[in-house]
Amino acid sequence: MDGYSPVIFYDFGDYVRALCSDDAEQLAQFETLLEQVVPYKAHTEKYFTAARGPLPIERYSGITTSAPSTNSLASSYSQTSWYLATH
């Protein structure tokens, strides 16, 4: 989603859909809650990346997540006080 390789940022809805692809009931519950949490969504047709220029937005739930990522730019994430307190 972000133009980095490997990816750092993911569309949260798309991320959960991939995780719950074999559990239709759980996915339906998530999508119902996501619609309540993010009642309005809008985006431009494309987004700009410094490395790859403009890219089309293919999925958009209104929320982005950045974990997990194996990108070296995200390696310090696991050393933050928040991460250490919650994982």
C-alpha atoms as a PDB file:
ATOM      1  CA  MET A   1       0.000   0.000   0.000  1.00  0.00           C
ATOM      2  CA  ASP A   2       2.781   2.477   0.774  1.00  0.00           C
ATOM      3  CA  GLY A   3       5.363   2.108  -1.984  1.00  0.00           C
ATOM      4  CA  TYR A   4       7.993   0.664   0.376  1.00  0.00           C
ATOM      5  CA  SER A   5       9.463  -2.765  -0.195  1.00  0.00           C
ATOM      6  CA  PRO A   6       8.776  -4.650   1.949  1.00  0.00           C
ATOM      7  CA  VAL A   7       5.582  -2.843   2.868  1.00  0.00           C
ATOM      8  CA  ILE A   8       5.386  -0.834   6.108  1.00  0.00           C
ATOM      9  CA  PHE A   9       1.807   0.484   6.052  1.00  0.00           C
ATOM     10  CA  TYR A  10      -1.306  -1.567   5.355  1.00  0.00           C
ATOM     11  CA  ASP A  11      -4.954  -0.668   4.915  1.00  0.00           C
ATOM     12  CA  PHE A  12      -6.447  -2.003   8.154  1.00  0.00           C
ATOM     13  CA  GLY A  13      -9.603  -3.382   6.539  1.00  0.00           C
ATOM     14  CA  ASP A  14      -7.610  -5.190   3.863  1.00  0.00           C
ATOM     15  CA  TYR A  15      -5.199  -6.518   6.509  1.00  0.00           C
ATOM     16  CA  VAL A  16      -8.034  -8.000   8.590  1.00  0.00           C
ATOM     17  CA  ARG A  17      -9.747  -9.407   5.475  1.00  0.00           C
ATOM     18  CA  ALA A  18      -6.532 -11.286   4.675  1.00  0.00           C
ATOM     19  CA  LEU A  19      -6.294 -12.603   8.249  1.00  0.00           C
ATOM     20  CA  CYS A  20      -9.968 -13.653   8.379  1.00  0.00           C
ATOM     21  CA  SER A  21     -10.321 -14.980   4.831  1.00  0.00           C
ATOM     22  CA  ASP A  22     -11.400 -18.401   6.119  1.00  0.00           C
ATOM     23  CA  ASP A  23     -13.861 -17.116   8.755  1.00  0.00           C
ATOM     24  CA  ALA A  24     -16.825 -15.421   7.076  1.00  0.00           C
ATOM     25  CA  GLU A  25     -18.686 -14.813  10.354  1.00  0.00           C
ATOM     26  CA  GLN A  26     -15.748 -13.103  12.039  1.00  0.00           C
ATOM     27  CA  LEU A  27     -15.073 -11.029   8.916  1.00  0.00           C
ATOM     28  CA  ALA A  28     -18.720  -9.919   8.757  1.00  0.00           C
ATOM     29  CA  GLN A  29     -18.584  -8.844  12.415  1.00  0.00           C
ATOM     30  CA  PHE A  30     -15.398  -6.887  11.753  1.00  0.00           C
ATOM     31  CA  GLU A  31     -16.840  -5.157   8.688  1.00  0.00           C
ATOM     32  CA  THR A  32     -19.976  -4.187  10.622  1.00  0.00           C
ATOM     33  CA  LEU A  33     -17.858  -2.656  13.384  1.00  0.00           C
ATOM     34  CA  LEU A  34     -15.534  -0.954  10.898  1.00  0.00           C
ATOM     35  CA  GLU A  35     -18.527   0.739   9.249  1.00  0.00           C
ATOM     36  CA  GLN A  36     -19.578   2.057  12.676  1.00  0.00           C
ATOM     37  CA  VAL A  37     -16.078   3.234  13.607  1.00  0.00           C
ATOM     38  CA  VAL A  38     -15.404   4.868  10.227  1.00  0.00           C
ATOM     39  CA  PRO A  39     -18.825   6.001   8.950  1.00  0.00           C
ATOM     40  CA  TYR A  40     -17.396   8.225   6.190  1.00  0.00           C
ATOM     41  CA  LYS A  41     -14.471   7.407   3.932  1.00  0.00           C
ATOM     42  CA  ALA A  42     -12.974   9.373   1.045  1.00  0.00           C
ATOM     43  CA  HIS A  43      -9.664   9.342  -0.786  1.00  0.00           C
ATOM     44  CA  THR A  44      -7.976  10.579  -3.906  1.00  0.00           C
ATOM     45  CA  GLU A  45      -7.647   8.274  -6.907  1.00  0.00           C
ATOM     46  CA  LYS A  46      -3.894   7.900  -6.338  1.00  0.00           C
ATOM     47  CA  TYR A  47      -1.300   8.573  -3.658  1.00  0.00           C
ATOM     48  CA  PHE A  48       2.270   9.728  -4.177  1.00  0.00           C
ATOM     49  CA  THR A  49       5.344   7.832  -3.060  1.00  0.00           C
ATOM     50  CA  ALA A  50       8.867   9.223  -3.181  1.00  0.00           C
ATOM     51  CA  ALA A  51      10.269   5.922  -4.428  1.00  0.00           C
ATOM     52  CA  ARG A  52       7.668   4.884  -6.999  1.00  0.00           C
ATOM     53  CA  GLY A  53       5.709   8.023  -7.856  1.00  0.00           C
ATOM     54  CA  PRO A  54       1.895   8.022  -7.946  1.00  0.00           C
ATOM     55  CA  LEU A  55       0.163   4.699  -7.251  1.00  0.00           C
ATOM     56  CA  PRO A  56      -3.551   3.835  -7.441  1.00  0.00           C
ATOM     57  CA  ILE A  57      -5.501   3.362  -4.210  1.00  0.00           C
ATOM     58  CA  GLU A  58      -7.033  -0.098  -4.560  1.00  0.00           C
ATOM     59  CA  ARG A  59      -8.413  -0.622  -1.033  1.00  0.00           C
ATOM     60  CA  TYR A  60      -9.389   1.957   1.551  1.00  0.00           C
ATOM     61  CA  SER A  61     -11.085   1.374   4.896  1.00  0.00           C
ATOM     62  CA  GLY A  62     -10.200   4.717   6.468  1.00  0.00           C
ATOM     63  CA  ILE A  63      -7.652   3.255   8.904  1.00  0.00           C
ATOM     64  CA  THR A  64      -4.006   2.343   8.341  1.00  0.00           C
ATOM     65  CA  THR A  65      -1.858  -0.039  10.362  1.00  0.00           C
ATOM     66  CA  SER A  66       1.901  -0.399  10.331  1.00  0.00           C
ATOM     67  CA  ALA A  67       2.469  -3.693  12.090  1.00  0.00           C
ATOM     68  CA  PRO A  68       3.832  -6.156  11.319  1.00  0.00           C
ATOM     69  CA  SER A  69       6.547  -5.187   8.854  1.00  0.00           C
ATOM     70  CA  THR A  70       9.927  -6.651   8.059  1.00  0.00           C
ATOM     71  CA  ASN A  71      11.102  -3.393   6.471  1.00  0.00           C
ATOM     72  CA  SER A  72      14.326  -2.151   8.073  1.00  0.00           C
ATOM     73  CA  LEU A  73      12.796   1.337   8.350  1.00  0.00           C
ATOM     74  CA  ALA A  74      10.307  -0.101  10.846  1.00  0.00           C
ATOM     75  CA  SER A  75      12.850  -2.029  12.917  1.00  0.00           C
ATOM     76  CA  SER A  76      12.972   0.526  15.746  1.00  0.00           C
ATOM     77  CA  TYR A  77       9.210   0.111  16.253  1.00  0.00           C
ATOM     78  CA  SER A  78       9.746  -2.949  18.445  1.00  0.00           C
ATOM     79  CA  GLN A  79      11.968  -0.893  20.770  1.00  0.00           C
ATOM     80  CA  THR A  80       9.405   1.812  21.572  1.00  0.00           C
ATOM     81  CA  SER A  81       8.038   1.972  25.117  1.00  0.00           C
ATOM     82  CA  TRP A  82       4.512   1.411  23.769  1.00  0.00           C
ATOM     83  CA  TYR A  83       5.519  -1.757  21.931  1.00  0.00           C
ATOM     84  CA  LEU A  84       7.454  -3.102  24.910  1.00  0.00           C
ATOM     85  CA  ALA A  85       4.490  -2.444  27.221  1.00  0.00           C
ATOM     86  CA  THR A  86       1.931  -4.080  24.923  1.00  0.00           C
ATOM     87  CA  HIS A  87       3.735  -7.084  23.429  1.00  0.00           C
END
